[in-house]
N, C-alpha and C. Protein backbone atom coordinates (compact mmCIF):
# COMPACT_ATOMS: atom_id res chain seq x y z
N MET A 1 0.85 -1.18 0.00
CA MET A 1 0.00 0.00 0.00
C MET A 1 0.89 1.24 0.00
N GLU A 2 0.47 2.25 -0.71
CA GLU A 2 1.20 3.52 -0.74
C GLU A 2 0.42 4.59 0.01
N CYS A 3 1.12 5.64 0.40
CA CYS A 3 0.45 6.76 1.06
C CYS A 3 -0.61 7.33 0.14
N ARG A 4 -1.70 7.75 0.75
CA ARG A 4 -2.79 8.34 -0.02
C ARG A 4 -2.54 9.82 -0.23
N GLN A 5 -3.01 10.30 -1.35
CA GLN A 5 -2.89 11.72 -1.68
C GLN A 5 -3.62 12.56 -0.62
N HIS A 6 -3.03 13.66 -0.23
CA HIS A 6 -3.64 14.66 0.65
C HIS A 6 -4.10 14.07 1.99
N CYS A 7 -3.30 13.19 2.57
CA CYS A 7 -3.66 12.59 3.86
C CYS A 7 -2.84 13.24 4.98
N GLY A 8 -1.59 12.84 5.15
CA GLY A 8 -0.73 13.42 6.18
C GLY A 8 -1.08 13.04 7.60
N ALA A 9 -1.98 12.07 7.79
CA ALA A 9 -2.41 11.70 9.15
C ALA A 9 -1.22 11.30 10.02
N CYS A 10 -0.26 10.59 9.45
CA CYS A 10 0.89 10.14 10.24
C CYS A 10 1.83 11.29 10.59
N CYS A 11 1.64 12.44 9.98
CA CYS A 11 2.44 13.64 10.30
C CYS A 11 1.68 14.59 11.22
N ILE A 12 0.47 14.19 11.60
CA ILE A 12 -0.36 15.03 12.46
C ILE A 12 -0.70 14.32 13.77
N ALA A 13 -1.26 13.13 13.69
CA ALA A 13 -1.82 12.46 14.86
C ALA A 13 -0.81 12.05 15.93
N PRO A 14 0.29 11.39 15.58
CA PRO A 14 1.19 10.92 16.65
C PRO A 14 2.13 12.01 17.17
N SER A 15 2.55 11.81 18.42
CA SER A 15 3.62 12.67 18.95
C SER A 15 4.94 12.12 18.43
N ILE A 16 5.91 12.99 18.30
CA ILE A 16 7.27 12.61 17.90
C ILE A 16 8.20 13.20 18.94
N ASN A 17 8.96 12.35 19.60
CA ASN A 17 9.81 12.79 20.71
C ASN A 17 11.23 13.14 20.30
N SER A 18 11.58 12.88 19.06
CA SER A 18 12.93 13.21 18.61
C SER A 18 12.90 14.52 17.82
N PRO A 19 14.06 15.18 17.71
CA PRO A 19 14.11 16.45 16.98
C PRO A 19 13.71 16.30 15.51
N ILE A 20 13.05 17.32 15.03
CA ILE A 20 12.66 17.45 13.63
C ILE A 20 13.21 18.80 13.19
N PRO A 21 13.81 18.92 12.00
CA PRO A 21 14.25 20.25 11.58
C PRO A 21 13.09 21.25 11.67
N GLY A 22 13.31 22.29 12.44
CA GLY A 22 12.28 23.30 12.67
C GLY A 22 11.46 23.04 13.93
N MET A 23 11.59 21.85 14.50
CA MET A 23 10.90 21.48 15.74
C MET A 23 11.91 20.71 16.61
N PRO A 24 12.85 21.41 17.23
CA PRO A 24 13.96 20.75 17.92
C PRO A 24 13.55 19.86 19.09
N HIS A 25 12.34 20.02 19.61
CA HIS A 25 11.88 19.19 20.72
C HIS A 25 10.84 18.17 20.28
N GLY A 26 10.74 17.95 18.98
CA GLY A 26 9.73 17.04 18.45
C GLY A 26 8.40 17.76 18.33
N LYS A 27 7.31 16.99 18.35
CA LYS A 27 6.00 17.60 18.25
C LYS A 27 4.98 16.83 19.07
N PRO A 28 4.01 17.54 19.62
CA PRO A 28 2.96 16.86 20.36
C PRO A 28 1.94 16.20 19.42
N ALA A 29 1.22 15.25 19.95
CA ALA A 29 0.16 14.59 19.18
C ALA A 29 -0.89 15.61 18.76
N GLY A 30 -1.39 15.45 17.55
CA GLY A 30 -2.43 16.32 17.03
C GLY A 30 -1.96 17.60 16.39
N VAL A 31 -0.66 17.86 16.46
CA VAL A 31 -0.09 19.07 15.87
C VAL A 31 0.59 18.69 14.55
N PRO A 32 0.26 19.38 13.46
CA PRO A 32 0.92 19.05 12.19
C PRO A 32 2.42 19.31 12.27
N CYS A 33 3.19 18.41 11.73
CA CYS A 33 4.64 18.59 11.66
C CYS A 33 4.95 19.78 10.76
N ILE A 34 5.95 20.53 11.14
CA ILE A 34 6.36 21.70 10.35
C ILE A 34 6.87 21.28 8.97
N GLN A 35 7.25 20.02 8.83
CA GLN A 35 7.78 19.52 7.56
C GLN A 35 6.68 18.96 6.64
N LEU A 36 5.43 19.14 7.02
CA LEU A 36 4.30 18.71 6.20
C LEU A 36 3.97 19.84 5.23
N ASP A 37 3.99 19.56 3.93
CA ASP A 37 3.73 20.62 2.95
C ASP A 37 2.23 20.82 2.71
N GLU A 38 1.90 21.74 1.80
CA GLU A 38 0.51 22.10 1.53
C GLU A 38 -0.29 20.94 0.96
N ALA A 39 0.37 19.99 0.34
CA ALA A 39 -0.29 18.81 -0.25
C ALA A 39 -0.28 17.64 0.73
N TYR A 40 0.06 17.91 2.00
CA TYR A 40 0.12 16.88 3.05
C TYR A 40 1.16 15.81 2.75
N ARG A 41 2.29 16.22 2.22
CA ARG A 41 3.42 15.31 1.99
C ARG A 41 4.58 15.75 2.87
N CYS A 42 5.40 14.78 3.27
CA CYS A 42 6.56 15.06 4.11
C CYS A 42 7.69 15.65 3.26
N LYS A 43 8.17 16.81 3.65
CA LYS A 43 9.29 17.44 2.94
C LYS A 43 10.60 16.69 3.19
N LEU A 44 10.64 15.86 4.24
CA LEU A 44 11.86 15.14 4.59
C LEU A 44 11.86 13.69 4.12
N PHE A 45 10.81 13.27 3.42
CA PHE A 45 10.71 11.87 3.00
C PHE A 45 11.97 11.47 2.23
N GLY A 46 12.59 10.38 2.65
CA GLY A 46 13.80 9.89 2.01
C GLY A 46 15.08 10.62 2.41
N GLN A 47 14.96 11.59 3.31
CA GLN A 47 16.12 12.37 3.75
C GLN A 47 16.64 11.83 5.09
N PRO A 48 17.94 11.96 5.34
CA PRO A 48 18.48 11.46 6.61
C PRO A 48 17.98 12.24 7.83
N GLN A 49 17.48 13.46 7.65
CA GLN A 49 16.97 14.26 8.77
C GLN A 49 15.60 13.80 9.24
N ARG A 50 14.96 12.94 8.47
CA ARG A 50 13.62 12.45 8.85
C ARG A 50 13.75 11.60 10.10
N PRO A 51 12.93 11.86 11.12
CA PRO A 51 13.01 11.07 12.35
C PRO A 51 12.80 9.57 12.09
N ALA A 52 13.50 8.76 12.85
CA ALA A 52 13.38 7.30 12.71
C ALA A 52 11.95 6.84 12.95
N PHE A 53 11.25 7.49 13.86
CA PHE A 53 9.85 7.15 14.12
C PHE A 53 9.04 7.23 12.83
N CYS A 54 9.24 8.28 12.08
CA CYS A 54 8.49 8.48 10.84
C CYS A 54 8.83 7.41 9.81
N GLY A 55 10.10 7.08 9.72
CA GLY A 55 10.52 6.05 8.79
C GLY A 55 9.98 4.68 9.14
N GLY A 56 9.61 4.50 10.40
CA GLY A 56 9.07 3.23 10.84
C GLY A 56 7.58 3.05 10.55
N LEU A 57 6.92 4.12 10.17
CA LEU A 57 5.50 4.03 9.82
C LEU A 57 5.36 3.65 8.36
N SER A 58 4.47 2.71 8.11
CA SER A 58 4.18 2.31 6.74
C SER A 58 2.68 2.28 6.56
N PRO A 59 2.18 2.79 5.46
CA PRO A 59 0.73 2.75 5.26
C PRO A 59 0.23 1.31 5.22
N SER A 60 -0.91 1.10 5.84
CA SER A 60 -1.53 -0.23 5.85
C SER A 60 -3.04 -0.05 5.87
N LEU A 61 -3.74 -1.08 5.48
CA LEU A 61 -5.20 -1.02 5.50
C LEU A 61 -5.71 -0.80 6.92
N GLU A 62 -5.05 -1.43 7.90
CA GLU A 62 -5.45 -1.26 9.29
C GLU A 62 -5.35 0.21 9.73
N MET A 63 -4.24 0.85 9.40
CA MET A 63 -4.00 2.23 9.82
C MET A 63 -4.77 3.23 8.96
N CYS A 64 -4.80 3.02 7.67
CA CYS A 64 -5.35 4.01 6.75
C CYS A 64 -6.83 3.78 6.41
N GLY A 65 -7.30 2.55 6.60
CA GLY A 65 -8.68 2.25 6.27
C GLY A 65 -8.89 2.12 4.77
N GLU A 66 -10.13 1.91 4.41
CA GLU A 66 -10.50 1.84 3.00
C GLU A 66 -10.44 3.23 2.38
N GLU A 67 -10.25 3.30 1.09
CA GLU A 67 -10.14 4.59 0.37
C GLU A 67 -11.29 5.53 0.72
N GLN A 68 -12.50 5.02 0.77
CA GLN A 68 -13.66 5.88 1.01
C GLN A 68 -13.73 6.40 2.45
N GLN A 69 -12.96 5.82 3.35
CA GLN A 69 -12.97 6.28 4.74
C GLN A 69 -12.19 7.58 4.91
N GLY A 70 -11.26 7.85 4.04
CA GLY A 70 -10.53 9.10 4.06
C GLY A 70 -9.54 9.27 5.19
N ARG A 71 -8.93 10.44 5.20
CA ARG A 71 -7.87 10.73 6.15
C ARG A 71 -8.37 10.81 7.59
N GLU A 72 -9.63 11.17 7.81
CA GLU A 72 -10.16 11.25 9.17
C GLU A 72 -10.09 9.90 9.87
N TYR A 73 -10.31 8.82 9.11
CA TYR A 73 -10.19 7.48 9.70
C TYR A 73 -8.77 7.27 10.21
N ALA A 74 -7.78 7.59 9.39
CA ALA A 74 -6.38 7.39 9.77
C ALA A 74 -6.01 8.26 10.96
N ILE A 75 -6.48 9.49 10.99
CA ILE A 75 -6.20 10.37 12.13
C ILE A 75 -6.81 9.79 13.40
N GLN A 76 -8.05 9.31 13.32
CA GLN A 76 -8.69 8.72 14.50
C GLN A 76 -7.97 7.45 14.94
N TRP A 77 -7.56 6.60 14.00
CA TRP A 77 -6.88 5.36 14.33
C TRP A 77 -5.54 5.64 15.00
N LEU A 78 -4.77 6.54 14.40
CA LEU A 78 -3.45 6.89 14.96
C LEU A 78 -3.60 7.60 16.30
N SER A 79 -4.61 8.43 16.46
CA SER A 79 -4.84 9.11 17.73
C SER A 79 -5.18 8.11 18.83
N ALA A 80 -5.99 7.11 18.50
CA ALA A 80 -6.32 6.05 19.47
C ALA A 80 -5.06 5.27 19.86
N LEU A 81 -4.21 4.98 18.89
CA LEU A 81 -2.96 4.28 19.16
C LEU A 81 -2.05 5.14 20.05
N GLU A 82 -2.01 6.42 19.77
CA GLU A 82 -1.22 7.36 20.58
C GLU A 82 -1.68 7.31 22.04
N ARG A 83 -2.97 7.39 22.25
CA ARG A 83 -3.52 7.37 23.63
C ARG A 83 -3.21 6.02 24.30
N ALA A 84 -3.37 4.94 23.56
CA ALA A 84 -3.18 3.60 24.13
C ALA A 84 -1.74 3.33 24.50
N THR A 85 -0.80 4.00 23.88
CA THR A 85 0.62 3.73 24.13
C THR A 85 1.28 4.77 25.03
N GLN A 86 0.50 5.66 25.60
CA GLN A 86 1.06 6.63 26.54
C GLN A 86 1.46 5.92 27.83
N PRO A 87 2.53 6.38 28.47
CA PRO A 87 2.93 5.77 29.75
C PRO A 87 1.75 5.77 30.73
N GLY A 88 1.58 4.67 31.42
CA GLY A 88 0.51 4.55 32.39
C GLY A 88 -0.75 3.92 31.81
N ASN A 89 -0.76 3.64 30.51
CA ASN A 89 -1.93 3.03 29.88
C ASN A 89 -1.72 1.56 29.58
N ALA A 90 -0.74 0.95 30.21
CA ALA A 90 -0.44 -0.47 29.92
C ALA A 90 -1.41 -1.40 30.61
């Protein structure tokens, strides 16, 4: 599966705890990454500056849902995963 056009859910929903160019302390969950462009694509894709967390995400039917479900499904799924994996939620 490939990333869907105009989605960017994986650059918005999860928190990132490692530095990102332009966001030296990472980013909180629900905040768009500064490296997300107007078309919801990562400006750092394929670059060594891209955080390892981001490189570890791969689009999947489970995460992205069916085409007709749209980006809101992916944002909700990733947000639920973010909440479930916070310290103290084990």
